Amino acid sequence: MFEVRIHGRGGQGVVSAAEMLSVAAFLEGKHAQAFPSFGSERTGAPVVAFCRIADKEIRVREPIQTPDALIVQDPTLFKALDVTEGLKSDGYLLVNTARSISELHLDATVARLPKGRVTSVPATELAMKYVNRPAPNTALLGAFAAEVRIVSLESVLEAIRRAFPGKIGEANVEAARAAHALVTANAAA
């Protein structure tokens, strides 16, 4: 079973990201579940969502304590809480930022993870460019598909289209494609 924990703030599409990731896995014939955890239901409040992906039925229902991957939609959360808590030693960390990982003071986290398992993507900037809204979730899913490869970009794009039909969905698809291309190019460099 592959477990993903997504951290962000209300209004950034954290819950939608987990749901779309689970749909992408389902489209590939995998079992998946997605569910949120949050306190105050207001824009800007910290939100956590979870997604599990497996080849067989998933029976566990509790929050993910030791994720295989973390997606951090708002890097200011690193100052507020330990979002990397429990991340497996061979896990993946994907951060929405135009800044370097060093600028976020994540060098210790990077040092304990295998090379190539920490990625930063300017997902909010991509969302503003393509969607005209600061919701980084779909761009981060495109980046996740490139970094982790547990689901394909094609499945992520179809999940986005199902969540957001029409022009909004296609704009989100373009943000996801752009993020995927950035991660793929950086990995090749």
N, C-alpha and C. Protein backbone atom coordinates (compact mmCIF):
# COMPACT_ATOMS: atom_id res chain seq x y z
N MET A 1 0.85 -1.17 0.00
CA MET A 1 0.00 0.00 0.00
C MET A 1 0.89 1.24 0.00
N PHE A 2 0.51 2.24 -0.80
CA PHE A 2 1.24 3.49 -0.88
C PHE A 2 0.36 4.57 -0.26
N GLU A 3 0.92 5.30 0.72
CA GLU A 3 0.14 6.28 1.47
C GLU A 3 0.68 7.69 1.26
N VAL A 4 -0.25 8.62 0.99
CA VAL A 4 0.10 10.01 0.71
C VAL A 4 -0.64 10.90 1.69
N ARG A 5 0.11 11.86 2.26
CA ARG A 5 -0.49 12.86 3.13
C ARG A 5 -0.29 14.21 2.45
N ILE A 6 -1.37 14.98 2.37
CA ILE A 6 -1.33 16.28 1.71
C ILE A 6 -1.64 17.37 2.74
N HIS A 7 -0.70 18.32 2.87
CA HIS A 7 -0.87 19.43 3.80
C HIS A 7 -1.10 20.71 3.02
N GLY A 8 -1.98 21.54 3.51
CA GLY A 8 -2.21 22.84 2.89
C GLY A 8 -3.10 23.68 3.78
N ARG A 9 -3.70 24.66 3.17
CA ARG A 9 -4.62 25.54 3.89
C ARG A 9 -5.97 25.52 3.19
N GLY A 10 -7.02 25.79 3.97
CA GLY A 10 -8.35 25.83 3.41
C GLY A 10 -8.43 26.76 2.21
N GLY A 11 -9.02 26.27 1.14
CA GLY A 11 -9.15 27.05 -0.07
C GLY A 11 -8.13 26.70 -1.14
N GLN A 12 -7.13 25.88 -0.78
CA GLN A 12 -6.10 25.50 -1.75
C GLN A 12 -6.42 24.20 -2.49
N GLY A 13 -7.52 23.58 -2.16
CA GLY A 13 -7.89 22.35 -2.85
C GLY A 13 -7.21 21.10 -2.33
N VAL A 14 -6.88 21.08 -1.05
CA VAL A 14 -6.21 19.93 -0.44
C VAL A 14 -7.09 18.68 -0.51
N VAL A 15 -8.35 18.83 -0.11
CA VAL A 15 -9.27 17.69 -0.11
C VAL A 15 -9.53 17.23 -1.55
N SER A 16 -9.71 18.18 -2.45
CA SER A 16 -9.92 17.84 -3.86
C SER A 16 -8.71 17.11 -4.44
N ALA A 17 -7.51 17.51 -4.04
CA ALA A 17 -6.30 16.85 -4.53
C ALA A 17 -6.29 15.38 -4.13
N ALA A 18 -6.61 15.09 -2.87
CA ALA A 18 -6.64 13.70 -2.42
C ALA A 18 -7.70 12.91 -3.18
N GLU A 19 -8.85 13.52 -3.40
CA GLU A 19 -9.91 12.84 -4.13
C GLU A 19 -9.51 12.56 -5.58
N MET A 20 -8.91 13.57 -6.24
CA MET A 20 -8.49 13.37 -7.62
C MET A 20 -7.39 12.32 -7.73
N LEU A 21 -6.47 12.30 -6.76
CA LEU A 21 -5.42 11.29 -6.77
C LEU A 21 -6.01 9.89 -6.62
N SER A 22 -7.01 9.76 -5.77
CA SER A 22 -7.65 8.44 -5.60
C SER A 22 -8.40 8.04 -6.87
N VAL A 23 -9.03 8.98 -7.55
CA VAL A 23 -9.72 8.68 -8.81
C VAL A 23 -8.70 8.25 -9.87
N ALA A 24 -7.56 8.94 -9.93
CA ALA A 24 -6.51 8.56 -10.89
C ALA A 24 -6.07 7.11 -10.65
N ALA A 25 -5.89 6.74 -9.39
CA ALA A 25 -5.50 5.36 -9.07
C ALA A 25 -6.60 4.38 -9.47
N PHE A 26 -7.84 4.74 -9.17
CA PHE A 26 -8.98 3.89 -9.51
C PHE A 26 -9.05 3.68 -11.02
N LEU A 27 -8.78 4.73 -11.80
CA LEU A 27 -8.81 4.63 -13.26
C LEU A 27 -7.78 3.62 -13.78
N GLU A 28 -6.75 3.38 -12.99
CA GLU A 28 -5.71 2.42 -13.36
C GLU A 28 -5.96 1.03 -12.79
N GLY A 29 -7.16 0.83 -12.24
CA GLY A 29 -7.53 -0.49 -11.73
C GLY A 29 -7.04 -0.76 -10.32
N LYS A 30 -6.60 0.28 -9.63
CA LYS A 30 -6.12 0.11 -8.26
C LYS A 30 -7.23 0.43 -7.27
N HIS A 31 -7.04 0.00 -6.05
CA HIS A 31 -7.94 0.38 -4.97
C HIS A 31 -7.41 1.68 -4.39
N ALA A 32 -8.32 2.55 -3.96
CA ALA A 32 -7.89 3.84 -3.43
C ALA A 32 -8.93 4.37 -2.45
N GLN A 33 -8.46 5.20 -1.56
CA GLN A 33 -9.36 5.92 -0.65
C GLN A 33 -8.78 7.29 -0.40
N ALA A 34 -9.64 8.25 -0.18
CA ALA A 34 -9.23 9.61 0.13
C ALA A 34 -10.15 10.16 1.20
N PHE A 35 -9.58 10.89 2.15
CA PHE A 35 -10.41 11.50 3.19
C PHE A 35 -9.65 12.65 3.84
N PRO A 36 -10.36 13.65 4.34
CA PRO A 36 -9.73 14.83 4.94
C PRO A 36 -9.68 14.76 6.46
N SER A 37 -8.93 15.70 7.01
CA SER A 37 -8.90 15.93 8.46
C SER A 37 -8.65 17.41 8.66
N PHE A 38 -9.58 18.09 9.28
CA PHE A 38 -9.38 19.50 9.53
C PHE A 38 -10.16 19.93 10.75
N GLY A 39 -9.72 21.03 11.34
CA GLY A 39 -10.39 21.57 12.52
C GLY A 39 -11.40 22.60 12.08
N SER A 40 -11.02 23.87 12.18
CA SER A 40 -11.93 24.94 11.79
C SER A 40 -12.07 24.94 10.27
N GLU A 41 -13.28 25.05 9.83
CA GLU A 41 -13.55 24.99 8.39
C GLU A 41 -13.58 26.41 7.82
N ARG A 42 -12.40 27.02 7.74
CA ARG A 42 -12.35 28.37 7.19
C ARG A 42 -11.16 28.49 6.25
N THR A 43 -11.28 29.39 5.32
CA THR A 43 -10.21 29.63 4.37
C THR A 43 -8.96 30.03 5.12
N GLY A 44 -7.84 29.41 4.77
CA GLY A 44 -6.56 29.73 5.39
C GLY A 44 -6.18 28.85 6.56
N ALA A 45 -7.12 28.11 7.11
CA ALA A 45 -6.81 27.22 8.24
C ALA A 45 -6.07 25.99 7.72
N PRO A 46 -5.14 25.43 8.52
CA PRO A 46 -4.44 24.22 8.09
C PRO A 46 -5.41 23.06 7.83
N VAL A 47 -5.16 22.36 6.75
CA VAL A 47 -5.98 21.23 6.34
C VAL A 47 -5.04 20.09 5.97
N VAL A 48 -5.43 18.87 6.31
CA VAL A 48 -4.67 17.69 5.92
C VAL A 48 -5.65 16.74 5.25
N ALA A 49 -5.20 16.14 4.16
CA ALA A 49 -6.01 15.11 3.49
C ALA A 49 -5.10 13.92 3.23
N PHE A 50 -5.71 12.77 3.10
CA PHE A 50 -4.98 11.53 2.97
C PHE A 50 -5.45 10.75 1.75
N CYS A 51 -4.54 10.00 1.15
CA CYS A 51 -4.89 9.12 0.03
C CYS A 51 -4.08 7.84 0.16
N ARG A 52 -4.76 6.74 0.05
CA ARG A 52 -4.11 5.43 0.03
C ARG A 52 -4.35 4.79 -1.33
N ILE A 53 -3.32 4.13 -1.85
CA ILE A 53 -3.40 3.45 -3.14
C ILE A 53 -2.84 2.05 -2.94
N ALA A 54 -3.59 1.05 -3.40
CA ALA A 54 -3.14 -0.33 -3.22
C ALA A 54 -3.65 -1.20 -4.36
N ASP A 55 -3.04 -2.37 -4.48
CA ASP A 55 -3.46 -3.34 -5.48
C ASP A 55 -4.58 -4.24 -4.97
N LYS A 56 -4.85 -4.18 -3.68
CA LYS A 56 -5.94 -4.99 -3.12
C LYS A 56 -6.80 -4.09 -2.23
N GLU A 57 -7.89 -4.62 -1.76
CA GLU A 57 -8.83 -3.86 -0.94
C GLU A 57 -8.14 -3.20 0.25
N ILE A 58 -8.52 -1.98 0.54
CA ILE A 58 -7.95 -1.22 1.65
C ILE A 58 -8.95 -1.27 2.80
N ARG A 59 -8.53 -1.82 3.90
CA ARG A 59 -9.43 -1.96 5.05
C ARG A 59 -9.15 -0.94 6.15
N VAL A 60 -7.94 -0.42 6.20
CA VAL A 60 -7.59 0.55 7.23
C VAL A 60 -8.25 1.89 6.93
N ARG A 61 -8.66 2.61 7.97
CA ARG A 61 -9.40 3.86 7.78
C ARG A 61 -8.82 5.04 8.56
N GLU A 62 -7.80 4.83 9.35
CA GLU A 62 -7.32 5.91 10.19
C GLU A 62 -6.38 6.85 9.42
N PRO A 63 -6.12 8.03 9.98
CA PRO A 63 -5.20 8.98 9.35
C PRO A 63 -3.82 8.35 9.12
N ILE A 64 -3.13 8.84 8.12
CA ILE A 64 -1.82 8.32 7.75
C ILE A 64 -0.74 8.96 8.62
N GLN A 65 -0.08 8.13 9.41
CA GLN A 65 0.97 8.62 10.31
C GLN A 65 2.37 8.51 9.70
N THR A 66 2.58 7.50 8.87
CA THR A 66 3.90 7.28 8.25
C THR A 66 3.74 7.22 6.73
N PRO A 67 3.61 8.39 6.11
CA PRO A 67 3.35 8.41 4.67
C PRO A 67 4.57 8.01 3.83
N ASP A 68 4.27 7.48 2.66
CA ASP A 68 5.29 7.21 1.66
C ASP A 68 5.62 8.49 0.90
N ALA A 69 4.66 9.40 0.86
CA ALA A 69 4.85 10.68 0.16
C ALA A 69 4.09 11.78 0.88
N LEU A 70 4.70 12.95 0.86
CA LEU A 70 4.06 14.16 1.39
C LEU A 70 3.96 15.17 0.27
N ILE A 71 2.79 15.79 0.17
CA ILE A 71 2.61 16.93 -0.73
C ILE A 71 2.29 18.11 0.17
N VAL A 72 3.11 19.15 0.07
CA VAL A 72 2.92 20.34 0.90
C VAL A 72 2.50 21.48 -0.02
N GLN A 73 1.22 21.86 0.06
CA GLN A 73 0.68 22.89 -0.81
C GLN A 73 0.99 24.29 -0.34
N ASP A 74 1.33 24.47 0.93
CA ASP A 74 1.66 25.79 1.46
C ASP A 74 2.93 25.69 2.30
N PRO A 75 4.06 26.21 1.78
CA PRO A 75 5.32 26.07 2.51
C PRO A 75 5.37 26.83 3.83
N THR A 76 4.44 27.76 4.09
CA THR A 76 4.44 28.45 5.39
C THR A 76 4.09 27.48 6.52
N LEU A 77 3.52 26.33 6.18
CA LEU A 77 3.18 25.34 7.20
C LEU A 77 4.43 24.76 7.87
N PHE A 78 5.58 24.80 7.18
CA PHE A 78 6.81 24.30 7.80
C PHE A 78 7.15 25.09 9.06
N LYS A 79 6.75 26.35 9.13
CA LYS A 79 7.01 27.18 10.31
C LYS A 79 5.99 26.93 11.41
N ALA A 80 4.81 26.43 11.04
CA ALA A 80 3.73 26.26 12.01
C ALA A 80 3.70 24.88 12.66
N LEU A 81 4.10 23.85 11.91
CA LEU A 81 4.06 22.48 12.45
C LEU A 81 5.06 21.61 11.70
N ASP A 82 5.32 20.44 12.23
CA ASP A 82 6.26 19.51 11.60
C ASP A 82 5.51 18.65 10.59
N VAL A 83 5.36 19.19 9.38
CA VAL A 83 4.61 18.45 8.36
C VAL A 83 5.34 17.20 7.88
N THR A 84 6.66 17.14 8.09
CA THR A 84 7.42 15.96 7.65
C THR A 84 7.41 14.84 8.69
N GLU A 85 6.75 15.05 9.81
CA GLU A 85 6.69 14.03 10.86
C GLU A 85 6.16 12.71 10.30
N GLY A 86 6.91 11.65 10.55
CA GLY A 86 6.49 10.32 10.15
C GLY A 86 6.85 9.94 8.73
N LEU A 87 7.36 10.87 7.92
CA LEU A 87 7.71 10.55 6.54
C LEU A 87 8.72 9.42 6.53
N LYS A 88 8.43 8.38 5.76
CA LYS A 88 9.32 7.22 5.70
C LYS A 88 10.70 7.62 5.18
N SER A 89 11.71 6.88 5.60
CA SER A 89 13.10 7.21 5.24
C SER A 89 13.37 7.08 3.75
N ASP A 90 12.51 6.38 3.03
CA ASP A 90 12.64 6.28 1.58
C ASP A 90 11.49 7.00 0.88
N GLY A 91 10.88 7.96 1.61
CA GLY A 91 9.71 8.66 1.10
C GLY A 91 10.01 9.76 0.12
N TYR A 92 8.94 10.38 -0.35
CA TYR A 92 8.99 11.49 -1.29
C TYR A 92 8.43 12.74 -0.62
N LEU A 93 9.02 13.89 -0.93
CA LEU A 93 8.51 15.17 -0.45
C LEU A 93 8.36 16.08 -1.65
N LEU A 94 7.15 16.58 -1.86
CA LEU A 94 6.84 17.50 -2.95
C LEU A 94 6.32 18.78 -2.33
N VAL A 95 6.99 19.90 -2.61
CA VAL A 95 6.66 21.18 -1.99
C VAL A 95 6.29 22.21 -3.05
N ASN A 96 5.21 22.90 -2.81
CA ASN A 96 4.78 24.01 -3.65
C ASN A 96 5.57 25.26 -3.27
N THR A 97 6.59 25.58 -4.06
CA THR A 97 7.35 26.79 -3.81
C THR A 97 8.20 27.13 -5.02
N ALA A 98 8.43 28.42 -5.20
CA ALA A 98 9.37 28.87 -6.22
C ALA A 98 10.75 29.04 -5.61
N ARG A 99 10.83 28.93 -4.28
CA ARG A 99 12.10 29.05 -3.56
C ARG A 99 12.82 27.70 -3.55
N SER A 100 14.09 27.75 -3.22
CA SER A 100 14.85 26.50 -3.13
C SER A 100 14.51 25.80 -1.82
N ILE A 101 14.78 24.53 -1.79
CA ILE A 101 14.56 23.74 -0.57
C ILE A 101 15.43 24.27 0.56
N SER A 102 16.64 24.71 0.24
CA SER A 102 17.53 25.28 1.26
C SER A 102 16.94 26.54 1.87
N GLU A 103 16.30 27.37 1.04
CA GLU A 103 15.68 28.59 1.55
C GLU A 103 14.54 28.28 2.52
N LEU A 104 13.96 27.11 2.40
CA LEU A 104 12.89 26.69 3.31
C LEU A 104 13.45 26.01 4.56
N HIS A 105 14.78 25.91 4.63
CA HIS A 105 15.47 25.28 5.77
C HIS A 105 15.08 23.81 5.93
N LEU A 106 15.03 23.11 4.80
CA LEU A 106 14.67 21.70 4.80
C LEU A 106 15.88 20.81 4.53
N ASP A 107 17.08 21.34 4.70
CA ASP A 107 18.28 20.58 4.40
C ASP A 107 18.36 19.27 5.20
N ALA A 108 17.95 19.30 6.45
CA ALA A 108 18.00 18.08 7.27
C ALA A 108 17.04 17.02 6.72
N THR A 109 15.89 17.45 6.27
CA THR A 109 14.92 16.51 5.68
C THR A 109 15.48 15.93 4.39
N VAL A 110 16.04 16.79 3.55
CA VAL A 110 16.62 16.34 2.29
C VAL A 110 17.74 15.34 2.54
N ALA A 111 18.56 15.59 3.55
CA ALA A 111 19.71 14.72 3.86
C ALA A 111 19.28 13.32 4.26
N ARG A 112 18.12 13.16 4.86
CA ARG A 112 17.70 11.83 5.32
C ARG A 112 16.91 11.06 4.27
N LEU A 113 16.57 11.70 3.15
CA LEU A 113 15.82 11.02 2.09
C LEU A 113 16.75 10.66 0.94
N PRO A 114 16.43 9.62 0.19
CA PRO A 114 17.26 9.26 -0.96
C PRO A 114 17.31 10.41 -1.99
N LYS A 115 18.40 10.47 -2.71
CA LYS A 115 18.57 11.49 -3.73
C LYS A 115 17.41 11.44 -4.73
N GLY A 116 16.93 12.60 -5.10
CA GLY A 116 15.84 12.69 -6.06
C GLY A 116 14.46 12.53 -5.48
N ARG A 117 14.34 12.47 -4.16
CA ARG A 117 13.04 12.26 -3.53
C ARG A 117 12.42 13.54 -2.96
N VAL A 118 13.09 14.68 -3.16
CA VAL A 118 12.56 15.97 -2.70
C VAL A 118 12.48 16.88 -3.91
N THR A 119 11.29 17.39 -4.16
CA THR A 119 11.05 18.21 -5.33
C THR A 119 10.27 19.46 -4.95
N SER A 120 10.66 20.57 -5.53
CA SER A 120 9.88 21.80 -5.37
C SER A 120 9.35 22.22 -6.73
N VAL A 121 8.13 22.71 -6.74
CA VAL A 121 7.45 23.14 -7.96
C VAL A 121 6.70 24.43 -7.65
N PRO A 122 6.81 25.43 -8.51
CA PRO A 122 6.05 26.67 -8.28
C PRO A 122 4.58 26.50 -8.69
N ALA A 123 3.88 25.64 -7.99
CA ALA A 123 2.53 25.25 -8.37
C ALA A 123 1.53 26.41 -8.29
N THR A 124 1.68 27.28 -7.32
CA THR A 124 0.76 28.42 -7.24
C THR A 124 0.94 29.32 -8.44
N GLU A 125 2.19 29.55 -8.84
CA GLU A 125 2.44 30.38 -10.02
C GLU A 125 1.86 29.72 -11.28
N LEU A 126 2.00 28.42 -11.39
CA LEU A 126 1.41 27.71 -12.53
C LEU A 126 -0.11 27.80 -12.50
N ALA A 127 -0.69 27.68 -11.33
CA ALA A 127 -2.14 27.80 -11.20
C ALA A 127 -2.61 29.20 -11.61
N MET A 128 -1.89 30.21 -11.19
CA MET A 128 -2.26 31.58 -11.58
C MET A 128 -2.14 31.76 -13.09
N LYS A 129 -1.11 31.18 -13.67
CA LYS A 129 -0.90 31.33 -15.11
C LYS A 129 -2.00 30.64 -15.92
N TYR A 130 -2.35 29.42 -15.54
CA TYR A 130 -3.28 28.64 -16.33
C TYR A 130 -4.73 28.71 -15.86
N VAL A 131 -4.94 28.78 -14.55
CA VAL A 131 -6.30 28.72 -13.99
C VAL A 131 -6.78 30.10 -13.51
N ASN A 132 -5.83 31.01 -13.33
CA ASN A 132 -6.12 32.36 -12.84
C ASN A 132 -6.69 32.34 -11.42
N ARG A 133 -6.20 31.38 -10.64
CA ARG A 133 -6.62 31.21 -9.24
C ARG A 133 -5.48 30.56 -8.48
N PRO A 134 -5.18 31.00 -7.26
CA PRO A 134 -4.04 30.43 -6.52
C PRO A 134 -4.34 29.09 -5.86
N ALA A 135 -4.82 28.13 -6.63
CA ALA A 135 -5.11 26.79 -6.13
C ALA A 135 -4.10 25.83 -6.75
N PRO A 136 -3.06 25.45 -5.99
CA PRO A 136 -1.96 24.67 -6.54
C PRO A 136 -2.21 23.18 -6.68
N ASN A 137 -3.38 22.70 -6.30
CA ASN A 137 -3.60 21.25 -6.19
C ASN A 137 -3.39 20.49 -7.49
N THR A 138 -3.94 20.95 -8.60
CA THR A 138 -3.82 20.16 -9.83
C THR A 138 -2.41 20.19 -10.38
N ALA A 139 -1.74 21.34 -10.26
CA ALA A 139 -0.34 21.40 -10.70
C ALA A 139 0.50 20.42 -9.87
N LEU A 140 0.25 20.37 -8.58
CA LEU A 140 1.00 19.45 -7.72
C LEU A 140 0.71 17.99 -8.06
N LEU A 141 -0.49 17.68 -8.51
CA LEU A 141 -0.78 16.30 -8.91
C LEU A 141 -0.01 15.93 -10.17
N GLY A 142 0.14 16.88 -11.09
CA GLY A 142 0.97 16.63 -12.27
C GLY A 142 2.41 16.39 -11.88
N ALA A 143 2.91 17.20 -10.94
CA ALA A 143 4.28 17.03 -10.45
C ALA A 143 4.43 15.70 -9.72
N PHE A 144 3.42 15.33 -8.93
CA PHE A 144 3.44 14.06 -8.20
C PHE A 144 3.54 12.88 -9.17
N ALA A 145 2.78 12.94 -10.25
CA ALA A 145 2.83 11.85 -11.24
C ALA A 145 4.23 11.71 -11.81
N ALA A 146 4.93 12.83 -12.02
CA ALA A 146 6.29 12.78 -12.56
C ALA A 146 7.30 12.31 -11.53
N GLU A 147 7.14 12.75 -10.28
CA GLU A 147 8.12 12.43 -9.24
C GLU A 147 7.97 11.00 -8.74
N VAL A 148 6.76 10.61 -8.42
CA VAL A 148 6.53 9.34 -7.72
C VAL A 148 6.20 8.20 -8.68
N ARG A 149 5.48 8.49 -9.72
CA ARG A 149 5.12 7.52 -10.75
C ARG A 149 4.28 6.35 -10.23
N ILE A 150 3.47 6.60 -9.23
CA ILE A 150 2.54 5.57 -8.75
C ILE A 150 1.25 5.60 -9.58
N VAL A 151 0.97 6.75 -10.19
CA VAL A 151 -0.12 6.91 -11.15
C VAL A 151 0.44 7.65 -12.35
N SER A 152 -0.18 7.45 -13.49
CA SER A 152 0.30 8.10 -14.71
C SER A 152 -0.26 9.51 -14.85
N LEU A 153 0.42 10.32 -15.63
CA LEU A 153 -0.07 11.67 -15.91
C LEU A 153 -1.45 11.58 -16.59
N GLU A 154 -1.63 10.64 -17.49
CA GLU A 154 -2.90 10.51 -18.20
C GLU A 154 -4.06 10.26 -17.24
N SER A 155 -3.85 9.43 -16.23
CA SER A 155 -4.90 9.17 -15.24
C SER A 155 -5.17 10.40 -14.39
N VAL A 156 -4.12 11.13 -14.03
CA VAL A 156 -4.29 12.37 -13.26
C VAL A 156 -5.10 13.37 -14.09
N LEU A 157 -4.78 13.51 -15.36
CA LEU A 157 -5.50 14.46 -16.21
C LEU A 157 -6.97 14.08 -16.35
N GLU A 158 -7.25 12.79 -16.48
CA GLU A 158 -8.65 12.35 -16.56
C GLU A 158 -9.38 12.61 -15.25
N ALA A 159 -8.71 12.39 -14.13
CA ALA A 159 -9.32 12.67 -12.82
C ALA A 159 -9.63 14.16 -12.68
N ILE A 160 -8.73 15.01 -13.16
CA ILE A 160 -8.97 16.46 -13.12
C ILE A 160 -10.18 16.81 -13.98
N ARG A 161 -10.24 16.25 -15.17
CA ARG A 161 -11.38 16.53 -16.07
C ARG A 161 -12.70 16.09 -15.44
N ARG A 162 -12.69 14.99 -14.72
CA ARG A 162 -13.92 14.52 -14.07
C ARG A 162 -14.31 15.44 -12.92
N ALA A 163 -13.32 15.98 -12.22
CA ALA A 163 -13.61 16.87 -11.09
C ALA A 163 -14.03 18.26 -11.57
N PHE A 164 -13.44 18.71 -12.66
CA PHE A 164 -13.69 20.05 -13.18
C PHE A 164 -13.98 19.98 -14.69
N PRO A 165 -15.21 19.69 -15.07
CA PRO A 165 -15.51 19.59 -16.50
C PRO A 165 -15.41 20.96 -17.20
N GLY A 166 -15.19 20.91 -18.50
CA GLY A 166 -15.21 22.12 -19.30
C GLY A 166 -13.92 22.92 -19.27
N LYS A 167 -14.05 24.22 -19.47
CA LYS A 167 -12.89 25.11 -19.59
C LYS A 167 -12.04 25.13 -18.31
N ILE A 168 -12.68 25.10 -17.17
CA ILE A 168 -11.93 25.11 -15.90
C ILE A 168 -11.08 23.84 -15.79
N GLY A 169 -11.66 22.73 -16.17
CA GLY A 169 -10.92 21.48 -16.13
C GLY A 169 -9.73 21.50 -17.08
N GLU A 170 -9.93 22.01 -18.28
CA GLU A 170 -8.83 22.06 -19.25
C GLU A 170 -7.73 23.01 -18.79
N ALA A 171 -8.09 24.11 -18.12
CA ALA A 171 -7.08 25.01 -17.58
C ALA A 171 -6.27 24.30 -16.49
N ASN A 172 -6.95 23.53 -15.65
CA ASN A 172 -6.26 22.76 -14.61
C ASN A 172 -5.39 21.66 -15.22
N VAL A 173 -5.85 21.06 -16.29
CA VAL A 173 -5.06 20.06 -17.01
C VAL A 173 -3.75 20.68 -17.50
N GLU A 174 -3.83 21.89 -18.04
CA GLU A 174 -2.62 22.56 -18.53
C GLU A 174 -1.65 22.86 -17.39
N ALA A 175 -2.16 23.25 -16.23
CA ALA A 175 -1.31 23.49 -15.06
C ALA A 175 -0.62 22.19 -14.64
N ALA A 176 -1.36 21.09 -14.64
CA ALA A 176 -0.78 19.79 -14.28
C ALA A 176 0.28 19.36 -15.29
N ARG A 177 0.00 19.55 -16.58
CA ARG A 177 0.98 19.20 -17.61
C ARG A 177 2.27 20.02 -17.45
N ALA A 178 2.11 21.31 -17.18
CA ALA A 178 3.28 22.18 -17.03
C ALA A 178 4.13 21.75 -15.83
N ALA A 179 3.50 21.42 -14.72
CA ALA A 179 4.23 20.97 -13.54
C ALA A 179 4.92 19.64 -13.81
N HIS A 180 4.23 18.74 -14.48
CA HIS A 180 4.81 17.45 -14.84
C HIS A 180 6.05 17.65 -15.71
N ALA A 181 5.95 18.55 -16.69
CA ALA A 181 7.08 18.84 -17.57
C ALA A 181 8.26 19.42 -16.80
N LEU A 182 7.99 20.30 -15.85
CA LEU A 182 9.07 20.89 -15.03
C LEU A 182 9.81 19.82 -14.24
N VAL A 183 9.06 18.95 -13.57
CA VAL A 183 9.69 17.89 -12.77
C VAL A 183 10.46 16.93 -13.65
N THR A 184 9.89 16.58 -14.78
CA THR A 184 10.56 15.66 -15.71
C THR A 184 11.86 16.28 -16.23
N ALA A 185 11.82 17.56 -16.57
CA ALA A 185 13.02 18.25 -17.07
C ALA A 185 14.09 18.35 -15.99
N ASN A 186 13.67 18.66 -14.77
CA ASN A 186 14.64 18.77 -13.66
C ASN A 186 15.27 17.42 -13.32
N ALA A 187 14.49 16.35 -13.44
CA ALA A 187 15.02 15.01 -13.15
C ALA A 187 16.05 14.60 -14.21
N ALA A 188 15.85 15.04 -15.44
CA ALA A 188 16.76 14.70 -16.53
C ALA A 188 18.06 15.52 -16.48
N ALA A 189 17.98 16.67 -15.82
CA ALA A 189 19.16 17.55 -15.76
C ALA A 189 20.25 17.05 -14.85
